[in-house]
Amino acid sequence: MGSKIYPIPYFQMICDEIKELRRYIYFSPENSAVYGDKISELIILMGTEIDTLFNHLVGGKQPNMRDYKAWLKRLHPKIIEIKYFSYIHNKAKPIFQSLEPLTEYSWWRAYTELKHNRYRNLKKANLDNLHDIQAAYYVICALAMKDSPSALKQLKDTYSVICHPEIIRDKFATYQSTLKSLSNISAPGYFLDL
């Protein structure tokens, strides 16, 4: 609510950090459980940004994930149909599996557990959770900037540079039609072009 926001510079910074991480860890199924302090830092940064963006979008006093889900269910119920292609597991994965209040998202649980006790929960700071929360961050940034086609293109261009070329397949929809699908898709299984 309130003033317009422009999260792209921060999103770009985080994507640059993830690209740098690829210099040290090969993103593959064998390494999906690899964990560490840098991954923890990135998950906490993206979780904090998701929380900040949702706060801006939803408004109210101290909203939490239940409030965010209620907002999504009311305004963007088709968001549960959006999936991203996890090249770590070579399959499509949903980002928001359900909008029911008690449903937990593994990427959100990883963020909150790392935020509250990073030392005890460091194994949650793995590549699997990193990619899941990044896909969620991407979608929430897009919702925050849905009225700016040029910002959406910049967001998509920023995100696509971190993907392996072999995962960019023409069977995936363009981001513009994916965003449009948030309100009018008729078939499940829609993909983000990541």
N, C-alpha and C. Protein backbone atom coordinates (compact mmCIF):
# COMPACT_ATOMS: atom_id res chain seq x y z
N MET A 1 0.86 -1.15 0.00
CA MET A 1 0.00 0.00 0.00
C MET A 1 0.92 1.23 0.00
N GLY A 2 0.40 2.43 -0.13
CA GLY A 2 1.24 3.61 -0.05
C GLY A 2 2.03 3.83 -1.32
N SER A 3 3.30 4.28 -1.18
CA SER A 3 4.13 4.64 -2.32
C SER A 3 4.52 3.43 -3.15
N LYS A 4 4.88 3.71 -4.42
CA LYS A 4 5.32 2.63 -5.31
C LYS A 4 6.70 2.15 -4.87
N ILE A 5 6.94 0.89 -5.15
CA ILE A 5 8.25 0.33 -4.82
C ILE A 5 8.90 -0.20 -6.09
N TYR A 6 10.21 -0.31 -6.04
CA TYR A 6 10.98 -0.79 -7.18
C TYR A 6 12.07 -1.72 -6.65
N PRO A 7 11.74 -3.02 -6.50
CA PRO A 7 12.67 -3.95 -5.87
C PRO A 7 13.78 -4.49 -6.77
N ILE A 8 13.82 -4.07 -8.04
CA ILE A 8 14.77 -4.69 -8.98
C ILE A 8 16.23 -4.53 -8.57
N PRO A 9 16.70 -3.37 -8.12
CA PRO A 9 18.13 -3.31 -7.76
C PRO A 9 18.54 -4.33 -6.70
N TYR A 10 17.70 -4.51 -5.71
CA TYR A 10 18.02 -5.48 -4.66
C TYR A 10 17.93 -6.90 -5.21
N PHE A 11 16.92 -7.14 -6.06
CA PHE A 11 16.79 -8.44 -6.70
C PHE A 11 18.03 -8.74 -7.54
N GLN A 12 18.50 -7.75 -8.30
CA GLN A 12 19.71 -7.93 -9.12
C GLN A 12 20.93 -8.24 -8.26
N MET A 13 21.05 -7.55 -7.14
CA MET A 13 22.18 -7.79 -6.25
C MET A 13 22.18 -9.23 -5.76
N ILE A 14 21.01 -9.73 -5.37
CA ILE A 14 20.92 -11.10 -4.88
C ILE A 14 21.22 -12.10 -6.00
N CYS A 15 20.70 -11.84 -7.20
CA CYS A 15 21.01 -12.72 -8.34
C CYS A 15 22.50 -12.74 -8.64
N ASP A 16 23.15 -11.59 -8.53
CA ASP A 16 24.61 -11.55 -8.72
C ASP A 16 25.32 -12.40 -7.69
N GLU A 17 24.84 -12.38 -6.46
CA GLU A 17 25.43 -13.21 -5.40
C GLU A 17 25.25 -14.69 -5.70
N ILE A 18 24.10 -15.05 -6.24
CA ILE A 18 23.85 -16.46 -6.58
C ILE A 18 24.73 -16.88 -7.77
N LYS A 19 24.89 -15.98 -8.74
CA LYS A 19 25.80 -16.28 -9.84
C LYS A 19 27.22 -16.51 -9.31
N GLU A 20 27.64 -15.69 -8.38
CA GLU A 20 28.97 -15.85 -7.78
C GLU A 20 29.08 -17.19 -7.06
N LEU A 21 28.03 -17.60 -6.40
CA LEU A 21 28.01 -18.88 -5.68
C LEU A 21 28.26 -20.04 -6.64
N ARG A 22 27.77 -19.91 -7.86
CA ARG A 22 27.96 -20.96 -8.87
C ARG A 22 29.42 -21.16 -9.23
N ARG A 23 30.27 -20.20 -8.92
CA ARG A 23 31.71 -20.37 -9.16
C ARG A 23 32.29 -21.42 -8.22
N TYR A 24 31.60 -21.69 -7.12
CA TYR A 24 32.13 -22.58 -6.09
C TYR A 24 31.33 -23.86 -5.92
N ILE A 25 30.06 -23.82 -6.27
CA ILE A 25 29.19 -24.99 -6.12
C ILE A 25 28.48 -25.23 -7.44
N TYR A 26 28.61 -26.43 -7.96
CA TYR A 26 27.88 -26.77 -9.18
C TYR A 26 26.44 -27.07 -8.81
N PHE A 27 25.49 -26.41 -9.45
CA PHE A 27 24.08 -26.59 -9.15
C PHE A 27 23.57 -27.84 -9.86
N SER A 28 23.47 -28.91 -9.13
CA SER A 28 23.08 -30.20 -9.71
C SER A 28 22.30 -31.00 -8.66
N PRO A 29 21.62 -32.08 -9.10
CA PRO A 29 20.89 -32.91 -8.13
C PRO A 29 21.79 -33.43 -7.01
N GLU A 30 23.01 -33.79 -7.37
CA GLU A 30 23.94 -34.32 -6.37
C GLU A 30 24.28 -33.30 -5.29
N ASN A 31 24.17 -32.02 -5.63
CA ASN A 31 24.54 -30.96 -4.68
C ASN A 31 23.33 -30.24 -4.08
N SER A 32 22.13 -30.77 -4.27
CA SER A 32 20.93 -30.06 -3.80
C SER A 32 20.91 -29.87 -2.28
N ALA A 33 21.57 -30.76 -1.55
CA ALA A 33 21.58 -30.66 -0.08
C ALA A 33 22.80 -29.91 0.44
N VAL A 34 23.66 -29.43 -0.46
CA VAL A 34 24.83 -28.67 -0.02
C VAL A 34 24.35 -27.44 0.73
N TYR A 35 24.93 -27.18 1.88
CA TYR A 35 24.51 -26.05 2.70
C TYR A 35 25.71 -25.26 3.17
N GLY A 36 25.46 -24.04 3.60
CA GLY A 36 26.55 -23.21 4.09
C GLY A 36 26.10 -21.82 4.47
N ASP A 37 27.05 -21.08 5.03
CA ASP A 37 26.75 -19.74 5.54
C ASP A 37 26.30 -18.76 4.45
N LYS A 38 26.93 -18.81 3.28
CA LYS A 38 26.54 -17.88 2.21
C LYS A 38 25.12 -18.17 1.74
N ILE A 39 24.79 -19.44 1.61
CA ILE A 39 23.42 -19.80 1.20
C ILE A 39 22.44 -19.34 2.27
N SER A 40 22.80 -19.50 3.54
CA SER A 40 21.95 -19.03 4.64
C SER A 40 21.71 -17.53 4.52
N GLU A 41 22.77 -16.79 4.28
CA GLU A 41 22.66 -15.34 4.14
C GLU A 41 21.70 -14.97 3.01
N LEU A 42 21.81 -15.66 1.87
CA LEU A 42 20.96 -15.36 0.72
C LEU A 42 19.50 -15.72 0.98
N ILE A 43 19.27 -16.86 1.64
CA ILE A 43 17.90 -17.24 1.97
C ILE A 43 17.28 -16.22 2.92
N ILE A 44 18.04 -15.78 3.91
CA ILE A 44 17.54 -14.78 4.86
C ILE A 44 17.27 -13.45 4.16
N LEU A 45 18.15 -13.05 3.25
CA LEU A 45 17.94 -11.80 2.50
C LEU A 45 16.65 -11.88 1.66
N MET A 46 16.48 -12.99 0.94
CA MET A 46 15.29 -13.11 0.10
C MET A 46 14.01 -13.25 0.93
N GLY A 47 14.08 -13.98 2.03
CA GLY A 47 12.91 -14.09 2.91
C GLY A 47 12.51 -12.74 3.47
N THR A 48 13.51 -11.96 3.86
CA THR A 48 13.24 -10.62 4.38
C THR A 48 12.62 -9.74 3.30
N GLU A 49 13.13 -9.86 2.08
CA GLU A 49 12.56 -9.08 0.98
C GLU A 49 11.13 -9.51 0.66
N ILE A 50 10.88 -10.81 0.67
CA ILE A 50 9.51 -11.29 0.44
C ILE A 50 8.58 -10.73 1.51
N ASP A 51 9.02 -10.78 2.75
CA ASP A 51 8.23 -10.25 3.85
C ASP A 51 7.97 -8.75 3.66
N THR A 52 8.99 -8.00 3.26
CA THR A 52 8.87 -6.56 3.04
C THR A 52 7.90 -6.27 1.90
N LEU A 53 8.04 -7.01 0.80
CA LEU A 53 7.15 -6.78 -0.35
C LEU A 53 5.71 -7.14 -0.01
N PHE A 54 5.52 -8.27 0.66
CA PHE A 54 4.17 -8.65 1.08
C PHE A 54 3.59 -7.59 2.03
N ASN A 55 4.39 -7.10 2.97
CA ASN A 55 3.91 -6.05 3.87
C ASN A 55 3.42 -4.85 3.07
N HIS A 56 4.16 -4.48 2.06
CA HIS A 56 3.80 -3.35 1.21
C HIS A 56 2.50 -3.64 0.44
N LEU A 57 2.40 -4.84 -0.10
CA LEU A 57 1.24 -5.19 -0.92
C LEU A 57 -0.03 -5.39 -0.08
N VAL A 58 0.12 -6.05 1.06
CA VAL A 58 -1.03 -6.43 1.88
C VAL A 58 -1.44 -5.32 2.83
N GLY A 59 -0.47 -4.63 3.42
CA GLY A 59 -0.77 -3.57 4.38
C GLY A 59 -1.24 -4.13 5.70
N GLY A 60 -1.74 -3.27 6.54
CA GLY A 60 -2.21 -3.71 7.86
C GLY A 60 -1.08 -3.67 8.88
N LYS A 61 -1.42 -4.03 10.10
CA LYS A 61 -0.42 -4.01 11.17
C LYS A 61 0.20 -5.39 11.31
N GLN A 62 1.50 -5.46 11.18
CA GLN A 62 2.26 -6.69 11.39
C GLN A 62 1.64 -7.90 10.68
N PRO A 63 1.44 -7.83 9.34
CA PRO A 63 0.89 -9.00 8.67
C PRO A 63 1.89 -10.16 8.70
N ASN A 64 1.37 -11.37 8.61
CA ASN A 64 2.23 -12.55 8.60
C ASN A 64 1.84 -13.43 7.41
N MET A 65 2.45 -14.61 7.31
CA MET A 65 2.21 -15.46 6.15
C MET A 65 0.73 -15.84 6.01
N ARG A 66 0.01 -15.99 7.09
CA ARG A 66 -1.44 -16.27 6.97
C ARG A 66 -2.17 -15.11 6.28
N ASP A 67 -1.79 -13.87 6.65
CA ASP A 67 -2.38 -12.70 6.00
C ASP A 67 -2.00 -12.66 4.52
N TYR A 68 -0.76 -13.00 4.23
CA TYR A 68 -0.29 -12.98 2.84
C TYR A 68 -1.07 -14.00 2.00
N LYS A 69 -1.29 -15.20 2.58
CA LYS A 69 -2.04 -16.23 1.87
C LYS A 69 -3.48 -15.80 1.64
N ALA A 70 -4.08 -15.18 2.62
CA ALA A 70 -5.46 -14.70 2.46
C ALA A 70 -5.53 -13.66 1.35
N TRP A 71 -4.53 -12.78 1.29
CA TRP A 71 -4.47 -11.76 0.25
C TRP A 71 -4.31 -12.42 -1.12
N LEU A 72 -3.40 -13.38 -1.24
CA LEU A 72 -3.20 -14.09 -2.50
C LEU A 72 -4.46 -14.84 -2.91
N LYS A 73 -5.09 -15.49 -1.96
CA LYS A 73 -6.31 -16.26 -2.25
C LYS A 73 -7.42 -15.35 -2.76
N ARG A 74 -7.50 -14.16 -2.20
CA ARG A 74 -8.54 -13.20 -2.59
C ARG A 74 -8.25 -12.58 -3.97
N LEU A 75 -6.99 -12.18 -4.21
CA LEU A 75 -6.66 -11.43 -5.43
C LEU A 75 -5.98 -12.25 -6.52
N HIS A 76 -5.28 -13.30 -6.16
CA HIS A 76 -4.50 -14.08 -7.13
C HIS A 76 -4.63 -15.58 -6.87
N PRO A 77 -5.83 -16.13 -6.86
CA PRO A 77 -6.01 -17.54 -6.50
C PRO A 77 -5.31 -18.51 -7.45
N LYS A 78 -5.07 -18.11 -8.68
CA LYS A 78 -4.43 -19.00 -9.65
C LYS A 78 -2.92 -19.11 -9.43
N ILE A 79 -2.39 -18.38 -8.48
CA ILE A 79 -0.95 -18.43 -8.23
C ILE A 79 -0.49 -19.84 -7.85
N ILE A 80 -1.38 -20.64 -7.30
CA ILE A 80 -0.99 -22.00 -6.92
C ILE A 80 -0.70 -22.87 -8.13
N GLU A 81 -1.14 -22.45 -9.31
CA GLU A 81 -0.89 -23.22 -10.53
C GLU A 81 0.46 -22.92 -11.14
N ILE A 82 1.13 -21.89 -10.69
CA ILE A 82 2.41 -21.52 -11.26
C ILE A 82 3.51 -22.40 -10.68
N LYS A 83 4.33 -22.93 -11.58
CA LYS A 83 5.45 -23.77 -11.19
C LYS A 83 6.72 -23.20 -11.79
N TYR A 84 7.83 -23.58 -11.22
CA TYR A 84 9.09 -23.25 -11.86
C TYR A 84 9.84 -24.54 -12.12
N PHE A 85 10.72 -24.50 -13.11
CA PHE A 85 11.48 -25.70 -13.44
C PHE A 85 12.74 -25.75 -12.59
N SER A 86 12.80 -26.74 -11.72
CA SER A 86 13.97 -26.92 -10.87
C SER A 86 14.99 -27.76 -11.62
N TYR A 87 16.04 -27.10 -12.09
CA TYR A 87 17.05 -27.87 -12.80
C TYR A 87 17.89 -28.70 -11.85
N ILE A 88 17.80 -28.43 -10.56
CA ILE A 88 18.47 -29.29 -9.59
C ILE A 88 17.81 -30.67 -9.60
N HIS A 89 16.47 -30.70 -9.70
CA HIS A 89 15.75 -31.97 -9.68
C HIS A 89 15.19 -32.37 -11.04
N ASN A 90 15.41 -31.51 -12.05
CA ASN A 90 14.96 -31.77 -13.41
C ASN A 90 13.44 -32.02 -13.46
N LYS A 91 12.71 -31.19 -12.74
CA LYS A 91 11.25 -31.31 -12.75
C LYS A 91 10.61 -29.97 -12.37
N ALA A 92 9.33 -29.87 -12.66
CA ALA A 92 8.57 -28.68 -12.30
C ALA A 92 8.19 -28.76 -10.82
N LYS A 93 8.29 -27.62 -10.15
CA LYS A 93 7.93 -27.56 -8.73
C LYS A 93 6.98 -26.39 -8.51
N PRO A 94 5.94 -26.59 -7.71
CA PRO A 94 5.07 -25.45 -7.38
C PRO A 94 5.78 -24.53 -6.39
N ILE A 95 5.43 -23.27 -6.44
CA ILE A 95 6.00 -22.29 -5.51
C ILE A 95 5.07 -22.12 -4.32
N PHE A 96 3.79 -21.93 -4.62
CA PHE A 96 2.76 -21.79 -3.60
C PHE A 96 1.83 -23.00 -3.74
N GLN A 97 2.13 -24.08 -3.04
CA GLN A 97 1.38 -25.32 -3.19
C GLN A 97 -0.09 -25.16 -2.81
N SER A 98 -0.37 -24.34 -1.83
CA SER A 98 -1.72 -24.16 -1.33
C SER A 98 -1.81 -22.77 -0.72
N LEU A 99 -3.01 -22.26 -0.65
CA LEU A 99 -3.22 -20.96 0.01
C LEU A 99 -3.98 -21.13 1.31
N GLU A 100 -4.09 -22.36 1.78
CA GLU A 100 -4.77 -22.62 3.05
C GLU A 100 -3.90 -22.09 4.20
N PRO A 101 -4.52 -21.52 5.24
CA PRO A 101 -3.78 -20.87 6.31
C PRO A 101 -2.70 -21.72 6.99
N LEU A 102 -2.95 -23.00 7.17
CA LEU A 102 -2.00 -23.83 7.92
C LEU A 102 -0.95 -24.51 7.04
N THR A 103 -1.03 -24.33 5.74
CA THR A 103 -0.03 -24.92 4.85
C THR A 103 1.30 -24.20 5.04
N GLU A 104 2.36 -24.97 5.16
CA GLU A 104 3.70 -24.38 5.26
C GLU A 104 4.42 -24.56 3.95
N TYR A 105 5.15 -23.56 3.53
CA TYR A 105 6.02 -23.66 2.36
C TYR A 105 7.41 -24.00 2.87
N SER A 106 8.05 -24.97 2.26
CA SER A 106 9.37 -25.39 2.74
C SER A 106 10.37 -24.23 2.68
N TRP A 107 10.27 -23.40 1.65
CA TRP A 107 11.19 -22.27 1.53
C TRP A 107 10.95 -21.23 2.63
N TRP A 108 9.69 -21.04 3.03
CA TRP A 108 9.39 -20.07 4.10
C TRP A 108 9.82 -20.63 5.46
N ARG A 109 9.59 -21.93 5.66
CA ARG A 109 10.02 -22.57 6.90
C ARG A 109 11.55 -22.49 7.03
N ALA A 110 12.26 -22.74 5.91
CA ALA A 110 13.72 -22.65 5.94
C ALA A 110 14.15 -21.23 6.33
N TYR A 111 13.52 -20.23 5.72
CA TYR A 111 13.84 -18.84 6.04
C TYR A 111 13.61 -18.53 7.52
N THR A 112 12.44 -18.89 8.05
CA THR A 112 12.15 -18.54 9.45
C THR A 112 13.05 -19.32 10.42
N GLU A 113 13.32 -20.58 10.11
CA GLU A 113 14.20 -21.34 11.01
C GLU A 113 15.63 -20.81 10.98
N LEU A 114 16.09 -20.40 9.80
CA LEU A 114 17.44 -19.82 9.73
C LEU A 114 17.48 -18.46 10.41
N LYS A 115 16.44 -17.70 10.25
CA LYS A 115 16.37 -16.36 10.86
C LYS A 115 16.41 -16.46 12.38
N HIS A 116 15.71 -17.44 12.93
CA HIS A 116 15.61 -17.54 14.39
C HIS A 116 16.74 -18.31 15.04
N ASN A 117 17.34 -19.25 14.32
CA ASN A 117 18.49 -19.98 14.89
C ASN A 117 19.29 -20.60 13.76
N ARG A 118 20.13 -19.76 13.16
CA ARG A 118 20.93 -20.18 12.01
C ARG A 118 21.86 -21.34 12.35
N TYR A 119 22.43 -21.34 13.53
CA TYR A 119 23.41 -22.36 13.89
C TYR A 119 22.77 -23.74 14.01
N ARG A 120 21.62 -23.81 14.61
CA ARG A 120 20.94 -25.09 14.79
C ARG A 120 20.33 -25.58 13.47
N ASN A 121 19.96 -24.66 12.60
CA ASN A 121 19.22 -25.02 11.38
C ASN A 121 20.02 -24.83 10.10
N LEU A 122 21.33 -24.82 10.19
CA LEU A 122 22.16 -24.50 9.02
C LEU A 122 21.91 -25.45 7.84
N LYS A 123 21.54 -26.68 8.09
CA LYS A 123 21.29 -27.61 6.98
C LYS A 123 20.10 -27.19 6.13
N LYS A 124 19.27 -26.30 6.66
CA LYS A 124 18.16 -25.75 5.87
C LYS A 124 18.67 -24.75 4.83
N ALA A 125 19.91 -24.30 5.01
CA ALA A 125 20.53 -23.36 4.07
C ALA A 125 21.15 -24.14 2.93
N ASN A 126 20.29 -24.83 2.16
CA ASN A 126 20.80 -25.66 1.07
C ASN A 126 20.35 -25.12 -0.28
N LEU A 127 20.93 -25.68 -1.34
CA LEU A 127 20.62 -25.19 -2.69
C LEU A 127 19.15 -25.38 -3.04
N ASP A 128 18.56 -26.46 -2.58
CA ASP A 128 17.15 -26.71 -2.84
C ASP A 128 16.28 -25.56 -2.32
N ASN A 129 16.45 -25.20 -1.06
CA ASN A 129 15.68 -24.10 -0.48
C ASN A 129 16.04 -22.76 -1.10
N LEU A 130 17.30 -22.60 -1.49
CA LEU A 130 17.73 -21.36 -2.14
C LEU A 130 16.97 -21.14 -3.43
N HIS A 131 16.87 -22.17 -4.26
CA HIS A 131 16.16 -22.02 -5.53
C HIS A 131 14.66 -21.85 -5.34
N ASP A 132 14.09 -22.56 -4.38
CA ASP A 132 12.66 -22.41 -4.12
C ASP A 132 12.31 -20.99 -3.67
N ILE A 133 13.10 -20.45 -2.76
CA ILE A 133 12.78 -19.11 -2.26
C ILE A 133 13.07 -18.06 -3.32
N GLN A 134 14.04 -18.32 -4.17
CA GLN A 134 14.32 -17.36 -5.24
C GLN A 134 13.15 -17.30 -6.23
N ALA A 135 12.56 -18.46 -6.54
CA ALA A 135 11.39 -18.46 -7.42
C ALA A 135 10.22 -17.71 -6.77
N ALA A 136 10.03 -17.91 -5.47
CA ALA A 136 8.97 -17.18 -4.76
C ALA A 136 9.25 -15.67 -4.76
N TYR A 137 10.49 -15.30 -4.53
CA TYR A 137 10.89 -13.88 -4.53
C TYR A 137 10.60 -13.26 -5.90
N TYR A 138 10.92 -14.00 -6.95
CA TYR A 138 10.67 -13.54 -8.31
C TYR A 138 9.19 -13.25 -8.54
N VAL A 139 8.33 -14.17 -8.12
CA VAL A 139 6.89 -13.99 -8.31
C VAL A 139 6.37 -12.80 -7.50
N ILE A 140 6.82 -12.67 -6.26
CA ILE A 140 6.35 -11.55 -5.42
C ILE A 140 6.85 -10.21 -5.97
N CYS A 141 8.08 -10.17 -6.48
CA CYS A 141 8.57 -8.94 -7.13
C CYS A 141 7.67 -8.60 -8.32
N ALA A 142 7.32 -9.63 -9.10
CA ALA A 142 6.47 -9.40 -10.26
C ALA A 142 5.10 -8.87 -9.85
N LEU A 143 4.55 -9.41 -8.78
CA LEU A 143 3.26 -8.89 -8.30
C LEU A 143 3.38 -7.43 -7.87
N ALA A 144 4.50 -7.09 -7.25
CA ALA A 144 4.71 -5.72 -6.79
C ALA A 144 4.86 -4.75 -7.96
N MET A 145 5.31 -5.25 -9.11
CA MET A 145 5.56 -4.37 -10.26
C MET A 145 4.65 -4.69 -11.44
N LYS A 146 3.52 -5.32 -11.19
CA LYS A 146 2.67 -5.81 -12.28
C LYS A 146 2.17 -4.72 -13.22
N ASP A 147 2.19 -3.48 -12.79
CA ASP A 147 1.70 -2.40 -13.64
C ASP A 147 2.79 -1.75 -14.48
N SER A 148 3.99 -2.32 -14.46
CA SER A 148 5.10 -1.74 -15.22
C SER A 148 5.73 -2.80 -16.13
N PRO A 149 5.30 -2.86 -17.41
CA PRO A 149 5.86 -3.86 -18.33
C PRO A 149 7.39 -3.77 -18.46
N SER A 150 7.94 -2.57 -18.46
CA SER A 150 9.39 -2.45 -18.60
C SER A 150 10.11 -3.00 -17.37
N ALA A 151 9.54 -2.78 -16.19
CA ALA A 151 10.14 -3.32 -14.97
C ALA A 151 10.05 -4.84 -14.97
N LEU A 152 8.93 -5.39 -15.45
CA LEU A 152 8.77 -6.84 -15.51
C LEU A 152 9.79 -7.46 -16.47
N LYS A 153 10.03 -6.80 -17.59
CA LYS A 153 11.03 -7.30 -18.54
C LYS A 153 12.42 -7.28 -17.90
N GLN A 154 12.73 -6.21 -17.21
CA GLN A 154 14.03 -6.11 -16.54
C GLN A 154 14.17 -7.20 -15.47
N LEU A 155 13.09 -7.46 -14.75
CA LEU A 155 13.10 -8.51 -13.74
C LEU A 155 13.36 -9.87 -14.38
N LYS A 156 12.65 -10.17 -15.46
CA LYS A 156 12.83 -11.45 -16.16
C LYS A 156 14.24 -11.58 -16.70
N ASP A 157 14.77 -10.52 -17.30
CA ASP A 157 16.12 -10.56 -17.84
C ASP A 157 17.16 -10.79 -16.75
N THR A 158 16.95 -10.18 -15.60
CA THR A 158 17.86 -10.37 -14.47
C THR A 158 17.84 -11.81 -14.02
N TYR A 159 16.65 -12.39 -13.92
CA TYR A 159 16.53 -13.74 -13.40
C TYR A 159 17.09 -14.78 -14.37
N SER A 160 16.87 -14.58 -15.66
CA SER A 160 17.25 -15.61 -16.63
C SER A 160 18.76 -15.78 -16.74
N VAL A 161 19.54 -14.79 -16.36
CA VAL A 161 20.99 -14.93 -16.51
C VAL A 161 21.59 -15.93 -15.54
N ILE A 162 20.89 -16.30 -14.49
CA ILE A 162 21.48 -17.25 -13.55
C ILE A 162 21.17 -18.70 -13.88
N CYS A 163 20.31 -18.93 -14.87
CA CYS A 163 19.92 -20.29 -15.21
C CYS A 163 20.90 -20.92 -16.19
N HIS A 164 21.04 -22.20 -16.08
CA HIS A 164 21.81 -22.93 -17.09
C HIS A 164 21.08 -22.80 -18.42
N PRO A 165 21.80 -22.59 -19.53
CA PRO A 165 21.13 -22.44 -20.82
C PRO A 165 20.24 -23.63 -21.18
N GLU A 166 20.62 -24.83 -20.76
CA GLU A 166 19.84 -26.01 -21.14
C GLU A 166 18.46 -26.05 -20.51
N ILE A 167 18.20 -25.22 -19.50
CA ILE A 167 16.86 -25.27 -18.90
C ILE A 167 15.90 -24.27 -19.52
N ILE A 168 16.41 -23.37 -20.34
CA ILE A 168 15.53 -22.42 -21.00
C ILE A 168 14.95 -23.14 -22.22
N ARG A 169 13.75 -23.61 -22.08
CA ARG A 169 13.13 -24.41 -23.15
C ARG A 169 11.91 -23.67 -23.67
N ASP A 170 11.66 -23.86 -24.95
CA ASP A 170 10.56 -23.12 -25.56
C ASP A 170 9.19 -23.61 -25.09
N LYS A 171 9.13 -24.72 -24.35
CA LYS A 171 7.83 -25.16 -23.84
C LYS A 171 7.33 -24.29 -22.69
N PHE A 172 8.22 -23.47 -22.12
CA PHE A 172 7.81 -22.60 -21.03
C PHE A 172 7.20 -21.32 -21.59
N ALA A 173 6.25 -20.80 -20.87
CA ALA A 173 5.60 -19.56 -21.29
C ALA A 173 6.52 -18.37 -21.06
N THR A 174 6.27 -17.30 -21.77
CA THR A 174 7.03 -16.08 -21.49
C THR A 174 6.53 -15.51 -20.17
N TYR A 175 7.33 -14.67 -19.57
CA TYR A 175 6.94 -14.16 -18.27
C TYR A 175 5.68 -13.30 -18.35
N GLN A 176 5.53 -12.55 -19.44
CA GLN A 176 4.35 -11.70 -19.55
C GLN A 176 3.06 -12.52 -19.48
N SER A 177 3.03 -13.63 -20.21
CA SER A 177 1.81 -14.43 -20.17
C SER A 177 1.68 -15.17 -18.84
N THR A 178 2.80 -15.46 -18.20
CA THR A 178 2.74 -16.07 -16.87
C THR A 178 2.09 -15.11 -15.89
N LEU A 179 2.52 -13.86 -15.91
CA LEU A 179 1.93 -12.89 -15.00
C LEU A 179 0.44 -12.71 -15.30
N LYS A 180 0.11 -12.66 -16.59
CA LYS A 180 -1.30 -12.54 -16.95
C LYS A 180 -2.08 -13.74 -16.42
N SER A 181 -1.42 -14.89 -16.39
CA SER A 181 -2.09 -16.11 -15.95
C SER A 181 -2.49 -16.08 -14.48
N LEU A 182 -1.90 -15.19 -13.71
CA LEU A 182 -2.25 -15.13 -12.30
C LEU A 182 -3.75 -14.89 -12.12
N SER A 183 -4.37 -14.25 -13.09
CA SER A 183 -5.78 -13.96 -12.93
C SER A 183 -6.70 -14.69 -13.91
N ASN A 184 -6.13 -15.23 -15.02
CA ASN A 184 -7.07 -15.80 -15.99
C ASN A 184 -6.66 -17.14 -16.59
N ILE A 185 -5.74 -17.84 -16.00
CA ILE A 185 -5.36 -19.14 -16.55
C ILE A 185 -6.49 -20.15 -16.35
N SER A 186 -6.66 -21.02 -17.31
CA SER A 186 -7.72 -22.02 -17.18
C SER A 186 -7.18 -23.42 -16.92
N ALA A 187 -5.93 -23.65 -17.25
CA ALA A 187 -5.37 -25.00 -17.06
C ALA A 187 -4.24 -24.98 -16.03
N PRO A 188 -4.17 -26.01 -15.18
CA PRO A 188 -3.10 -26.06 -14.20
C PRO A 188 -1.76 -26.39 -14.85
N GLY A 189 -0.69 -26.23 -14.11
CA GLY A 189 0.62 -26.62 -14.59
C GLY A 189 1.33 -25.55 -15.38
N TYR A 190 1.01 -24.31 -15.16
CA TYR A 190 1.66 -23.22 -15.85
C TYR A 190 3.08 -23.05 -15.35
N PHE A 191 4.02 -22.75 -16.24
CA PHE A 191 5.43 -22.65 -15.86
C PHE A 191 5.91 -21.21 -15.89
N LEU A 192 6.83 -20.92 -14.99
CA LEU A 192 7.60 -19.69 -15.09
C LEU A 192 8.73 -19.94 -16.06
N ASP A 193 9.02 -18.99 -16.90
CA ASP A 193 10.13 -19.09 -17.83
C ASP A 193 11.36 -18.56 -17.11
N LEU A 194 12.02 -19.42 -16.37
CA LEU A 194 13.16 -18.99 -15.55
C LEU A 194 14.47 -19.35 -16.19
